[in-house]
Amino acid sequence: MTAFFSYLEKHPLIAILRGIKPTEVVRVAEILIEKDFKIIEIPLNSPDPIRSIELLTHHFENDAIIGAGTVLDKASIRSIAEAGAKLVVMPNGNGAVVEAAKDRGLIAIPGIATPTEAFAMIEAGADALKLFPAEGIPPVVLKAMRAVLPSTVPILPVGGITPEKMNAYQKAGAIGFGLGSALYKPGMAHRDVRNNADAFNQALTLSL
């Protein structure tokens, strides 16, 4: 868990590779790691996600934290952990999934959209909170939440995040971001993944 927060502090961008196939996952991850990305998430609604997680943990165990996203039930936790993932990310606030992840020693980041959900997930043991979908939760709302939530709990906006949107969320209290289709889409050319990573890194530097 210490490594996760250390990585998040150094480079607070989580790469969400939704839809990626095992045949391309290693090369795409190599590009992102070369661009200083330290946390990579494979959503479980991707093709053969457990295999992709296994490949990434095998190739990059010492270079990045590999996680599973779109985790919806407790039954998925065992296979995720056995594949080597260290991180469990949810689109919703499911206390049972958080508790199951913590029982396995995994980092748990549930999705929240309201202060009520946020406090419930913190009580369940969440390590950080995914503000989702960020398209419908502007920075002014995050700022209001941040005023009442514990300052020790990181909040990461996810959903529709582009380089141009990061600064306002950071000023409102975001610690980092989950990046989806603006970073990677299935079948995207490697040069485009590289260029997108550069754009986010540049925006991050300007925001700091």
N, C-alpha and C. Protein backbone atom coordinates (compact mmCIF):
# COMPACT_ATOMS: atom_id res chain seq x y z
N MET A 1 0.82 -1.20 0.00
CA MET A 1 0.00 0.00 0.00
C MET A 1 0.86 1.26 0.00
N THR A 2 1.98 1.18 0.72
CA THR A 2 2.90 2.32 0.75
C THR A 2 3.39 2.68 -0.64
N ALA A 3 3.67 1.64 -1.44
CA ALA A 3 4.14 1.87 -2.81
C ALA A 3 3.09 2.59 -3.63
N PHE A 4 1.83 2.24 -3.45
CA PHE A 4 0.76 2.89 -4.21
C PHE A 4 0.74 4.38 -3.94
N PHE A 5 0.77 4.77 -2.68
CA PHE A 5 0.71 6.20 -2.36
C PHE A 5 1.98 6.92 -2.79
N SER A 6 3.11 6.21 -2.74
CA SER A 6 4.36 6.79 -3.22
C SER A 6 4.30 7.04 -4.72
N TYR A 7 3.81 6.06 -5.46
CA TYR A 7 3.66 6.21 -6.91
C TYR A 7 2.67 7.32 -7.24
N LEU A 8 1.57 7.37 -6.49
CA LEU A 8 0.55 8.38 -6.74
C LEU A 8 1.10 9.78 -6.51
N GLU A 9 1.96 9.92 -5.52
CA GLU A 9 2.56 11.22 -5.23
C GLU A 9 3.53 11.63 -6.34
N LYS A 10 4.28 10.66 -6.86
CA LYS A 10 5.27 10.96 -7.90
C LYS A 10 4.62 11.25 -9.25
N HIS A 11 3.56 10.51 -9.55
CA HIS A 11 2.91 10.67 -10.86
C HIS A 11 1.45 10.30 -10.70
N PRO A 12 0.60 11.26 -10.35
CA PRO A 12 -0.76 10.97 -9.91
C PRO A 12 -1.76 10.70 -11.04
N LEU A 13 -1.36 9.89 -11.99
CA LEU A 13 -2.23 9.55 -13.12
C LEU A 13 -2.34 8.04 -13.24
N ILE A 14 -3.57 7.54 -13.19
CA ILE A 14 -3.81 6.10 -13.35
C ILE A 14 -4.28 5.84 -14.77
N ALA A 15 -3.57 4.97 -15.47
CA ALA A 15 -3.93 4.62 -16.84
C ALA A 15 -4.99 3.53 -16.82
N ILE A 16 -6.16 3.81 -17.39
CA ILE A 16 -7.26 2.85 -17.46
C ILE A 16 -7.32 2.31 -18.89
N LEU A 17 -6.92 1.05 -19.05
CA LEU A 17 -6.82 0.46 -20.39
C LEU A 17 -8.06 -0.38 -20.71
N ARG A 18 -9.19 0.29 -20.77
CA ARG A 18 -10.45 -0.41 -21.03
C ARG A 18 -10.49 -0.94 -22.46
N GLY A 19 -10.83 -2.22 -22.58
CA GLY A 19 -10.95 -2.84 -23.89
C GLY A 19 -9.67 -3.41 -24.45
N ILE A 20 -8.57 -3.29 -23.73
CA ILE A 20 -7.30 -3.77 -24.24
C ILE A 20 -7.26 -5.30 -24.26
N LYS A 21 -6.53 -5.85 -25.23
CA LYS A 21 -6.39 -7.30 -25.37
C LYS A 21 -5.02 -7.74 -24.83
N PRO A 22 -4.94 -8.97 -24.36
CA PRO A 22 -3.64 -9.47 -23.88
C PRO A 22 -2.52 -9.37 -24.92
N THR A 23 -2.87 -9.46 -26.19
CA THR A 23 -1.85 -9.42 -27.24
C THR A 23 -1.19 -8.06 -27.37
N GLU A 24 -1.82 -7.01 -26.88
CA GLU A 24 -1.23 -5.67 -27.01
C GLU A 24 -0.89 -5.02 -25.68
N VAL A 25 -1.30 -5.65 -24.58
CA VAL A 25 -1.22 -4.97 -23.29
C VAL A 25 0.21 -4.68 -22.85
N VAL A 26 1.14 -5.58 -23.14
CA VAL A 26 2.52 -5.38 -22.67
C VAL A 26 3.15 -4.18 -23.38
N ARG A 27 2.97 -4.09 -24.67
CA ARG A 27 3.58 -2.98 -25.42
C ARG A 27 3.00 -1.63 -25.02
N VAL A 28 1.67 -1.58 -24.85
CA VAL A 28 1.06 -0.33 -24.43
C VAL A 28 1.55 0.06 -23.03
N ALA A 29 1.65 -0.91 -22.14
CA ALA A 29 2.15 -0.63 -20.79
C ALA A 29 3.59 -0.15 -20.83
N GLU A 30 4.39 -0.74 -21.70
CA GLU A 30 5.79 -0.29 -21.84
C GLU A 30 5.84 1.19 -22.20
N ILE A 31 5.02 1.60 -23.13
CA ILE A 31 4.99 3.00 -23.55
C ILE A 31 4.61 3.89 -22.37
N LEU A 32 3.59 3.49 -21.63
CA LEU A 32 3.12 4.31 -20.51
C LEU A 32 4.16 4.37 -19.39
N ILE A 33 4.79 3.27 -19.11
CA ILE A 33 5.82 3.25 -18.06
C ILE A 33 7.01 4.11 -18.47
N GLU A 34 7.34 4.08 -19.76
CA GLU A 34 8.40 4.96 -20.27
C GLU A 34 8.04 6.42 -20.07
N LYS A 35 6.74 6.71 -20.04
CA LYS A 35 6.23 8.07 -19.85
C LYS A 35 5.91 8.35 -18.38
N ASP A 36 6.46 7.55 -17.49
CA ASP A 36 6.38 7.75 -16.03
C ASP A 36 5.06 7.34 -15.39
N PHE A 37 4.19 6.69 -16.12
CA PHE A 37 2.99 6.15 -15.49
C PHE A 37 3.39 4.98 -14.58
N LYS A 38 2.87 4.99 -13.37
CA LYS A 38 3.25 3.99 -12.38
C LYS A 38 2.09 3.09 -11.94
N ILE A 39 0.86 3.45 -12.33
CA ILE A 39 -0.32 2.69 -11.92
C ILE A 39 -1.16 2.42 -13.16
N ILE A 40 -1.42 1.14 -13.43
CA ILE A 40 -2.14 0.73 -14.63
C ILE A 40 -3.32 -0.15 -14.23
N GLU A 41 -4.48 0.18 -14.74
CA GLU A 41 -5.72 -0.52 -14.40
C GLU A 41 -6.29 -1.23 -15.62
N ILE A 42 -6.64 -2.50 -15.45
CA ILE A 42 -7.30 -3.27 -16.50
C ILE A 42 -8.75 -3.51 -16.07
N PRO A 43 -9.72 -2.85 -16.71
CA PRO A 43 -11.11 -3.08 -16.36
C PRO A 43 -11.53 -4.52 -16.67
N LEU A 44 -12.36 -5.08 -15.81
CA LEU A 44 -12.76 -6.48 -15.98
C LEU A 44 -13.72 -6.70 -17.13
N ASN A 45 -14.25 -5.63 -17.73
CA ASN A 45 -15.08 -5.80 -18.92
C ASN A 45 -14.25 -5.68 -20.20
N SER A 46 -12.95 -5.86 -20.08
CA SER A 46 -12.06 -5.94 -21.24
C SER A 46 -11.93 -7.40 -21.67
N PRO A 47 -11.45 -7.65 -22.89
CA PRO A 47 -11.26 -9.04 -23.32
C PRO A 47 -10.19 -9.75 -22.49
N ASP A 48 -10.55 -10.87 -21.86
CA ASP A 48 -9.62 -11.69 -21.07
C ASP A 48 -8.79 -10.84 -20.10
N PRO A 49 -9.44 -10.10 -19.22
CA PRO A 49 -8.72 -9.16 -18.35
C PRO A 49 -7.75 -9.83 -17.38
N ILE A 50 -8.09 -11.00 -16.88
CA ILE A 50 -7.21 -11.67 -15.93
C ILE A 50 -5.88 -12.02 -16.59
N ARG A 51 -5.93 -12.46 -17.83
CA ARG A 51 -4.69 -12.75 -18.56
C ARG A 51 -3.86 -11.48 -18.73
N SER A 52 -4.51 -10.38 -19.06
CA SER A 52 -3.76 -9.11 -19.19
C SER A 52 -3.10 -8.72 -17.87
N ILE A 53 -3.83 -8.89 -16.77
CA ILE A 53 -3.26 -8.58 -15.46
C ILE A 53 -2.07 -9.48 -15.17
N GLU A 54 -2.20 -10.76 -15.48
CA GLU A 54 -1.08 -11.70 -15.27
C GLU A 54 0.15 -11.28 -16.06
N LEU A 55 -0.05 -10.90 -17.31
CA LEU A 55 1.08 -10.48 -18.15
C LEU A 55 1.75 -9.23 -17.58
N LEU A 56 0.95 -8.27 -17.16
CA LEU A 56 1.53 -7.03 -16.65
C LEU A 56 2.27 -7.25 -15.33
N THR A 57 1.71 -8.05 -14.46
CA THR A 57 2.39 -8.29 -13.18
C THR A 57 3.68 -9.07 -13.40
N HIS A 58 3.70 -9.93 -14.40
CA HIS A 58 4.92 -10.69 -14.72
C HIS A 58 6.00 -9.78 -15.28
N HIS A 59 5.62 -8.90 -16.19
CA HIS A 59 6.62 -8.07 -16.88
C HIS A 59 7.02 -6.83 -16.09
N PHE A 60 6.12 -6.29 -15.27
CA PHE A 60 6.36 -4.98 -14.67
C PHE A 60 6.17 -4.96 -13.16
N GLU A 61 6.38 -6.08 -12.51
CA GLU A 61 6.15 -6.18 -11.07
C GLU A 61 6.91 -5.13 -10.28
N ASN A 62 8.11 -4.80 -10.74
CA ASN A 62 8.95 -3.84 -10.01
C ASN A 62 8.86 -2.42 -10.57
N ASP A 63 8.05 -2.24 -11.59
CA ASP A 63 8.00 -0.94 -12.25
C ASP A 63 6.66 -0.22 -12.08
N ALA A 64 5.61 -0.96 -11.77
CA ALA A 64 4.28 -0.35 -11.71
C ALA A 64 3.37 -1.17 -10.82
N ILE A 65 2.31 -0.54 -10.35
CA ILE A 65 1.25 -1.24 -9.64
C ILE A 65 0.15 -1.55 -10.65
N ILE A 66 -0.21 -2.82 -10.70
CA ILE A 66 -1.22 -3.26 -11.65
C ILE A 66 -2.52 -3.51 -10.89
N GLY A 67 -3.61 -3.01 -11.45
CA GLY A 67 -4.89 -3.17 -10.78
C GLY A 67 -5.99 -3.63 -11.71
N ALA A 68 -7.11 -3.99 -11.12
CA ALA A 68 -8.31 -4.37 -11.85
C ALA A 68 -9.36 -3.30 -11.65
N GLY A 69 -10.08 -2.97 -12.70
CA GLY A 69 -11.14 -1.98 -12.62
C GLY A 69 -12.49 -2.58 -12.96
N THR A 70 -13.53 -1.80 -12.76
CA THR A 70 -14.91 -2.25 -12.98
C THR A 70 -15.15 -3.56 -12.22
N VAL A 71 -14.70 -3.57 -10.98
CA VAL A 71 -14.90 -4.74 -10.11
C VAL A 71 -16.25 -4.58 -9.42
N LEU A 72 -17.16 -5.50 -9.67
CA LEU A 72 -18.54 -5.33 -9.24
C LEU A 72 -18.99 -6.30 -8.14
N ASP A 73 -18.19 -7.33 -7.87
CA ASP A 73 -18.64 -8.32 -6.89
C ASP A 73 -17.47 -8.94 -6.15
N LYS A 74 -17.77 -9.52 -5.00
CA LYS A 74 -16.75 -10.16 -4.17
C LYS A 74 -16.11 -11.36 -4.86
N ALA A 75 -16.89 -12.04 -5.69
CA ALA A 75 -16.40 -13.25 -6.34
C ALA A 75 -15.19 -12.99 -7.23
N SER A 76 -15.06 -11.77 -7.72
CA SER A 76 -13.95 -11.43 -8.62
C SER A 76 -12.64 -11.24 -7.87
N ILE A 77 -12.70 -10.99 -6.59
CA ILE A 77 -11.50 -10.60 -5.84
C ILE A 77 -10.45 -11.70 -5.84
N ARG A 78 -10.86 -12.93 -5.69
CA ARG A 78 -9.88 -14.03 -5.62
C ARG A 78 -9.06 -14.12 -6.91
N SER A 79 -9.73 -14.14 -8.06
CA SER A 79 -8.99 -14.27 -9.32
C SER A 79 -8.12 -13.06 -9.58
N ILE A 80 -8.59 -11.89 -9.17
CA ILE A 80 -7.78 -10.67 -9.32
C ILE A 80 -6.50 -10.79 -8.51
N ALA A 81 -6.64 -11.20 -7.25
CA ALA A 81 -5.47 -11.32 -6.37
C ALA A 81 -4.52 -12.40 -6.87
N GLU A 82 -5.06 -13.52 -7.31
CA GLU A 82 -4.20 -14.62 -7.78
C GLU A 82 -3.47 -14.25 -9.07
N ALA A 83 -4.03 -13.32 -9.83
CA ALA A 83 -3.36 -12.84 -11.05
C ALA A 83 -2.22 -11.88 -10.74
N GLY A 84 -2.15 -11.41 -9.49
CA GLY A 84 -1.07 -10.52 -9.09
C GLY A 84 -1.44 -9.07 -8.95
N ALA A 85 -2.71 -8.74 -9.17
CA ALA A 85 -3.13 -7.35 -9.03
C ALA A 85 -3.00 -6.90 -7.57
N LYS A 86 -2.68 -5.64 -7.39
CA LYS A 86 -2.57 -5.05 -6.05
C LYS A 86 -3.66 -4.02 -5.78
N LEU A 87 -4.45 -3.73 -6.79
CA LEU A 87 -5.40 -2.62 -6.73
C LEU A 87 -6.76 -3.05 -7.25
N VAL A 88 -7.82 -2.66 -6.55
CA VAL A 88 -9.19 -2.95 -6.97
C VAL A 88 -9.93 -1.63 -7.08
N VAL A 89 -10.46 -1.33 -8.27
CA VAL A 89 -11.18 -0.09 -8.52
C VAL A 89 -12.61 -0.43 -8.92
N MET A 90 -13.56 0.29 -8.36
CA MET A 90 -14.98 0.04 -8.60
C MET A 90 -15.66 1.28 -9.19
N PRO A 91 -16.70 1.09 -10.00
CA PRO A 91 -17.45 2.24 -10.47
C PRO A 91 -18.48 2.72 -9.45
N ASN A 92 -18.74 1.88 -8.46
CA ASN A 92 -19.79 2.16 -7.47
C ASN A 92 -19.24 1.99 -6.05
N GLY A 93 -20.07 2.33 -5.09
CA GLY A 93 -19.67 2.21 -3.69
C GLY A 93 -20.24 0.93 -3.09
N ASN A 94 -19.48 -0.14 -3.18
CA ASN A 94 -19.91 -1.44 -2.68
C ASN A 94 -19.03 -1.82 -1.49
N GLY A 95 -19.58 -1.68 -0.29
CA GLY A 95 -18.80 -1.95 0.91
C GLY A 95 -18.32 -3.38 1.00
N ALA A 96 -19.12 -4.33 0.50
CA ALA A 96 -18.73 -5.74 0.55
C ALA A 96 -17.50 -6.00 -0.31
N VAL A 97 -17.43 -5.35 -1.46
CA VAL A 97 -16.26 -5.52 -2.33
C VAL A 97 -15.04 -4.87 -1.70
N VAL A 98 -15.23 -3.70 -1.11
CA VAL A 98 -14.11 -3.04 -0.40
C VAL A 98 -13.57 -3.96 0.69
N GLU A 99 -14.43 -4.51 1.49
CA GLU A 99 -14.01 -5.37 2.59
C GLU A 99 -13.32 -6.63 2.08
N ALA A 100 -13.83 -7.21 1.00
CA ALA A 100 -13.20 -8.40 0.43
C ALA A 100 -11.81 -8.08 -0.11
N ALA A 101 -11.67 -6.92 -0.74
CA ALA A 101 -10.36 -6.51 -1.23
C ALA A 101 -9.38 -6.31 -0.09
N LYS A 102 -9.82 -5.67 0.97
CA LYS A 102 -8.95 -5.43 2.12
C LYS A 102 -8.55 -6.74 2.80
N ASP A 103 -9.48 -7.70 2.83
CA ASP A 103 -9.17 -9.01 3.42
C ASP A 103 -8.05 -9.71 2.67
N ARG A 104 -7.91 -9.40 1.39
CA ARG A 104 -6.85 -9.97 0.55
C ARG A 104 -5.60 -9.10 0.53
N GLY A 105 -5.62 -8.00 1.27
CA GLY A 105 -4.47 -7.12 1.30
C GLY A 105 -4.34 -6.23 0.09
N LEU A 106 -5.44 -6.01 -0.61
CA LEU A 106 -5.41 -5.18 -1.81
C LEU A 106 -5.83 -3.75 -1.50
N ILE A 107 -5.42 -2.84 -2.36
CA ILE A 107 -5.83 -1.44 -2.26
C ILE A 107 -7.22 -1.31 -2.86
N ALA A 108 -8.13 -0.66 -2.16
CA ALA A 108 -9.52 -0.57 -2.60
C ALA A 108 -9.90 0.88 -2.89
N ILE A 109 -10.38 1.12 -4.12
CA ILE A 109 -10.82 2.46 -4.51
C ILE A 109 -12.24 2.34 -5.08
N PRO A 110 -13.26 2.56 -4.26
CA PRO A 110 -14.64 2.52 -4.74
C PRO A 110 -15.04 3.82 -5.42
N GLY A 111 -16.08 3.73 -6.24
CA GLY A 111 -16.62 4.92 -6.88
C GLY A 111 -17.64 5.60 -5.98
N ILE A 112 -17.60 6.93 -5.95
CA ILE A 112 -18.55 7.71 -5.15
C ILE A 112 -18.97 8.94 -5.95
N ALA A 113 -20.17 9.44 -5.63
CA ALA A 113 -20.65 10.66 -6.29
C ALA A 113 -21.25 11.65 -5.30
N THR A 114 -21.36 11.24 -4.03
CA THR A 114 -21.96 12.11 -3.01
C THR A 114 -21.18 11.98 -1.71
N PRO A 115 -21.30 12.96 -0.82
CA PRO A 115 -20.65 12.84 0.50
C PRO A 115 -21.14 11.63 1.28
N THR A 116 -22.42 11.29 1.17
CA THR A 116 -22.95 10.13 1.88
C THR A 116 -22.23 8.86 1.43
N GLU A 117 -22.08 8.68 0.13
CA GLU A 117 -21.36 7.52 -0.39
C GLU A 117 -19.90 7.54 0.04
N ALA A 118 -19.29 8.72 0.02
CA ALA A 118 -17.89 8.84 0.39
C ALA A 118 -17.65 8.40 1.84
N PHE A 119 -18.47 8.90 2.76
CA PHE A 119 -18.29 8.53 4.16
C PHE A 119 -18.55 7.04 4.38
N ALA A 120 -19.53 6.48 3.68
CA ALA A 120 -19.81 5.05 3.82
C ALA A 120 -18.64 4.21 3.35
N MET A 121 -17.99 4.61 2.26
CA MET A 121 -16.86 3.85 1.73
C MET A 121 -15.62 4.01 2.61
N ILE A 122 -15.43 5.19 3.17
CA ILE A 122 -14.32 5.37 4.11
C ILE A 122 -14.52 4.46 5.32
N GLU A 123 -15.75 4.38 5.81
CA GLU A 123 -16.04 3.52 6.95
C GLU A 123 -15.81 2.05 6.59
N ALA A 124 -16.06 1.67 5.35
CA ALA A 124 -15.87 0.29 4.90
C ALA A 124 -14.39 -0.07 4.76
N GLY A 125 -13.51 0.96 4.71
CA GLY A 125 -12.08 0.70 4.63
C GLY A 125 -11.41 1.14 3.35
N ALA A 126 -12.08 1.96 2.53
CA ALA A 126 -11.49 2.42 1.28
C ALA A 126 -10.19 3.16 1.51
N ASP A 127 -9.23 2.92 0.61
CA ASP A 127 -7.93 3.59 0.69
C ASP A 127 -7.94 4.94 -0.02
N ALA A 128 -8.80 5.06 -1.01
CA ALA A 128 -8.96 6.30 -1.77
C ALA A 128 -10.36 6.25 -2.38
N LEU A 129 -10.80 7.36 -2.96
CA LEU A 129 -12.14 7.45 -3.53
C LEU A 129 -12.07 7.87 -4.98
N LYS A 130 -12.85 7.19 -5.80
CA LYS A 130 -12.95 7.51 -7.22
C LYS A 130 -14.19 8.38 -7.43
N LEU A 131 -14.00 9.63 -7.79
CA LEU A 131 -15.10 10.55 -8.04
C LEU A 131 -15.62 10.28 -9.45
N PHE A 132 -16.81 9.64 -9.51
CA PHE A 132 -17.26 9.11 -10.80
C PHE A 132 -18.77 9.21 -10.94
N PRO A 133 -19.24 9.61 -12.15
CA PRO A 133 -18.47 10.05 -13.31
C PRO A 133 -18.16 11.54 -13.21
N ALA A 134 -16.93 11.89 -13.40
CA ALA A 134 -16.51 13.28 -13.20
C ALA A 134 -17.19 14.24 -14.17
N GLU A 135 -17.64 13.73 -15.34
CA GLU A 135 -18.35 14.61 -16.28
C GLU A 135 -19.54 15.30 -15.60
N GLY A 136 -20.17 14.61 -14.65
CA GLY A 136 -21.34 15.17 -14.00
C GLY A 136 -21.07 15.73 -12.62
N ILE A 137 -19.80 15.78 -12.25
CA ILE A 137 -19.42 16.27 -10.91
C ILE A 137 -18.33 17.32 -11.09
N PRO A 138 -18.68 18.57 -11.28
CA PRO A 138 -17.69 19.60 -11.57
C PRO A 138 -16.80 19.91 -10.36
N PRO A 139 -15.71 20.61 -10.59
CA PRO A 139 -14.78 20.93 -9.50
C PRO A 139 -15.41 21.61 -8.31
N VAL A 140 -16.42 22.45 -8.51
CA VAL A 140 -17.05 23.14 -7.39
C VAL A 140 -17.69 22.14 -6.42
N VAL A 141 -18.21 21.04 -6.95
CA VAL A 141 -18.79 20.00 -6.09
C VAL A 141 -17.69 19.28 -5.34
N LEU A 142 -16.61 18.95 -6.02
CA LEU A 142 -15.47 18.32 -5.35
C LEU A 142 -14.95 19.20 -4.22
N LYS A 143 -14.86 20.49 -4.46
CA LYS A 143 -14.37 21.40 -3.43
C LYS A 143 -15.25 21.35 -2.19
N ALA A 144 -16.56 21.29 -2.37
CA ALA A 144 -17.48 21.21 -1.24
C ALA A 144 -17.31 19.89 -0.49
N MET A 145 -17.13 18.80 -1.23
CA MET A 145 -16.89 17.50 -0.59
C MET A 145 -15.58 17.50 0.19
N ARG A 146 -14.58 18.07 -0.43
CA ARG A 146 -13.24 18.06 0.17
C ARG A 146 -13.24 18.81 1.50
N ALA A 147 -14.13 19.76 1.66
CA ALA A 147 -14.20 20.55 2.89
C ALA A 147 -14.65 19.73 4.08
N VAL A 148 -15.38 18.63 3.82
CA VAL A 148 -15.91 17.84 4.93
C VAL A 148 -15.29 16.45 5.04
N LEU A 149 -14.69 15.96 3.98
CA LEU A 149 -14.10 14.63 4.02
C LEU A 149 -12.70 14.68 4.64
N PRO A 150 -12.24 13.57 5.23
CA PRO A 150 -10.90 13.54 5.82
C PRO A 150 -9.83 13.90 4.79
N SER A 151 -8.92 14.77 5.16
CA SER A 151 -7.88 15.21 4.22
C SER A 151 -6.91 14.10 3.87
N THR A 152 -6.88 13.04 4.66
CA THR A 152 -5.95 11.94 4.43
C THR A 152 -6.45 10.97 3.35
N VAL A 153 -7.68 11.10 2.93
CA VAL A 153 -8.24 10.19 1.93
C VAL A 153 -8.16 10.82 0.54
N PRO A 154 -7.35 10.26 -0.35
CA PRO A 154 -7.24 10.83 -1.70
C PRO A 154 -8.54 10.70 -2.49
N ILE A 155 -8.84 11.72 -3.29
CA ILE A 155 -9.98 11.69 -4.19
C ILE A 155 -9.46 11.84 -5.62
N LEU A 156 -9.89 10.90 -6.48
CA LEU A 156 -9.41 10.89 -7.86
C LEU A 156 -10.58 10.97 -8.83
N PRO A 157 -10.77 12.09 -9.51
CA PRO A 157 -11.81 12.18 -10.53
C PRO A 157 -11.53 11.24 -11.71
N VAL A 158 -12.59 10.60 -12.16
CA VAL A 158 -12.49 9.66 -13.29
C VAL A 158 -13.74 9.83 -14.15
N GLY A 159 -13.53 9.82 -15.46
CA GLY A 159 -14.66 9.93 -16.38
C GLY A 159 -14.63 11.25 -17.13
N GLY A 160 -14.20 11.21 -18.37
CA GLY A 160 -14.16 12.43 -19.18
C GLY A 160 -13.01 13.37 -18.87
N ILE A 161 -12.00 12.87 -18.15
CA ILE A 161 -10.85 13.72 -17.82
C ILE A 161 -9.96 13.90 -19.04
N THR A 162 -9.70 15.16 -19.36
CA THR A 162 -8.76 15.53 -20.43
C THR A 162 -7.69 16.42 -19.83
N PRO A 163 -6.59 16.62 -20.53
CA PRO A 163 -5.54 17.48 -19.98
C PRO A 163 -6.05 18.85 -19.56
N GLU A 164 -7.01 19.40 -20.31
CA GLU A 164 -7.50 20.76 -20.04
C GLU A 164 -8.31 20.85 -18.75
N LYS A 165 -8.84 19.75 -18.29
CA LYS A 165 -9.73 19.76 -17.12
C LYS A 165 -8.98 19.54 -15.81
N MET A 166 -7.75 19.13 -15.86
CA MET A 166 -7.05 18.69 -14.66
C MET A 166 -6.80 19.80 -13.65
N ASN A 167 -6.41 20.94 -14.13
CA ASN A 167 -6.02 22.03 -13.23
C ASN A 167 -7.15 22.44 -12.30
N ALA A 168 -8.35 22.58 -12.82
CA ALA A 168 -9.49 23.01 -12.00
C ALA A 168 -9.80 21.97 -10.92
N TYR A 169 -9.71 20.70 -11.27
CA TYR A 169 -9.96 19.65 -10.28
C TYR A 169 -8.87 19.61 -9.22
N GLN A 170 -7.63 19.82 -9.63
CA GLN A 170 -6.54 19.84 -8.65
C GLN A 170 -6.71 21.00 -7.67
N LYS A 171 -7.11 22.14 -8.16
CA LYS A 171 -7.34 23.29 -7.28
C LYS A 171 -8.49 23.02 -6.31
N ALA A 172 -9.42 22.16 -6.73
CA ALA A 172 -10.57 21.83 -5.88
C ALA A 172 -10.26 20.72 -4.87
N GLY A 173 -9.08 20.10 -5.00
CA GLY A 173 -8.69 19.10 -4.02
C GLY A 173 -8.41 17.71 -4.55
N ALA A 174 -8.43 17.52 -5.86
CA ALA A 174 -8.10 16.21 -6.43
C ALA A 174 -6.62 15.90 -6.22
N ILE A 175 -6.35 14.66 -5.81
CA ILE A 175 -4.97 14.21 -5.60
C ILE A 175 -4.40 13.59 -6.86
N GLY A 176 -5.26 13.06 -7.69
CA GLY A 176 -4.83 12.41 -8.92
C GLY A 176 -6.03 12.17 -9.81
N PHE A 177 -5.82 11.40 -10.90
CA PHE A 177 -6.87 11.18 -11.89
C PHE A 177 -6.78 9.78 -12.46
N GLY A 178 -7.94 9.25 -12.84
CA GLY A 178 -7.99 8.06 -13.66
C GLY A 178 -8.26 8.48 -15.09
N LEU A 179 -7.44 8.00 -16.02
CA LEU A 179 -7.52 8.43 -17.41
C LEU A 179 -7.97 7.28 -18.30
N GLY A 180 -9.08 7.50 -19.00
CA GLY A 180 -9.62 6.46 -19.85
C GLY A 180 -9.40 6.72 -21.32
N SER A 181 -10.47 6.98 -22.05
CA SER A 181 -10.39 7.04 -23.51
C SER A 181 -9.58 8.21 -24.05
N ALA A 182 -9.36 9.23 -23.25
CA ALA A 182 -8.50 10.33 -23.71
C ALA A 182 -7.03 9.93 -23.70
N LEU A 183 -6.73 8.81 -23.05
CA LEU A 183 -5.36 8.29 -23.04
C LEU A 183 -5.23 7.10 -23.97
N TYR A 184 -6.18 6.15 -23.84
CA TYR A 184 -6.10 4.93 -24.63
C TYR A 184 -7.50 4.47 -25.04
N LYS A 185 -7.61 4.05 -26.29
CA LYS A 185 -8.81 3.38 -26.80
C LYS A 185 -8.36 2.10 -27.49
N PRO A 186 -9.19 1.07 -27.50
CA PRO A 186 -8.81 -0.17 -28.18
C PRO A 186 -8.40 0.07 -29.62
N GLY A 187 -7.27 -0.51 -30.00
CA GLY A 187 -6.80 -0.38 -31.36
C GLY A 187 -6.04 0.89 -31.66
N MET A 188 -5.89 1.75 -30.68
CA MET A 188 -5.19 3.02 -30.88
C MET A 188 -3.72 2.78 -31.25
N ALA A 189 -3.22 3.55 -32.20
CA ALA A 189 -1.82 3.43 -32.60
C ALA A 189 -0.91 3.78 -31.43
N HIS A 190 0.22 3.10 -31.35
CA HIS A 190 1.14 3.33 -30.24
C HIS A 190 1.61 4.78 -30.19
N ARG A 191 1.83 5.39 -31.34
CA ARG A 191 2.27 6.78 -31.34
C ARG A 191 1.22 7.70 -30.73
N ASP A 192 -0.06 7.35 -30.91
CA ASP A 192 -1.12 8.17 -30.34
C ASP A 192 -1.18 7.99 -28.82
N VAL A 193 -0.96 6.78 -28.34
CA VAL A 193 -0.88 6.55 -26.90
C VAL A 193 0.26 7.38 -26.31
N ARG A 194 1.38 7.37 -27.00
CA ARG A 194 2.55 8.12 -26.55
C ARG A 194 2.26 9.63 -26.54
N ASN A 195 1.64 10.11 -27.58
CA ASN A 195 1.32 11.54 -27.66
C ASN A 195 0.31 11.94 -26.59
N ASN A 196 -0.68 11.09 -26.35
CA ASN A 196 -1.67 11.38 -25.31
C ASN A 196 -1.01 11.42 -23.93
N ALA A 197 -0.11 10.49 -23.69
CA ALA A 197 0.60 10.47 -22.41
C ALA A 197 1.41 11.75 -22.23
N ASP A 198 2.05 12.19 -23.31
CA ASP A 198 2.82 13.44 -23.24
C ASP A 198 1.92 14.63 -22.91
N ALA A 199 0.73 14.66 -23.50
CA ALA A 199 -0.19 15.77 -23.26
C ALA A 199 -0.63 15.81 -21.80
N PHE A 200 -0.93 14.66 -21.23
CA PHE A 200 -1.32 14.62 -19.83
C PHE A 200 -0.15 14.98 -18.91
N ASN A 201 1.04 14.51 -19.25
CA ASN A 201 2.20 14.85 -18.44
C ASN A 201 2.48 16.34 -18.47
N GLN A 202 2.33 16.94 -19.63
CA GLN A 202 2.55 18.39 -19.74
C GLN A 202 1.51 19.15 -18.91
N ALA A 203 0.26 18.73 -18.97
CA ALA A 203 -0.78 19.39 -18.20
C ALA A 203 -0.55 19.22 -16.71
N LEU A 204 -0.04 18.06 -16.33
CA LEU A 204 0.26 17.81 -14.92
C LEU A 204 1.36 18.74 -14.44
N THR A 205 2.39 18.90 -15.25
CA THR A 205 3.50 19.79 -14.89
C THR A 205 3.02 21.23 -14.74
N LEU A 206 2.15 21.66 -15.63
CA LEU A 206 1.64 23.04 -15.57
C LEU A 206 0.74 23.24 -14.37
N SER A 207 0.09 22.16 -13.90
CA SER A 207 -0.84 22.27 -12.78
C SER A 207 -0.13 22.31 -11.44
N LEU A 208 1.07 21.77 -11.39
CA LEU A 208 1.79 21.68 -10.11
C LEU A 208 2.38 23.01 -9.69
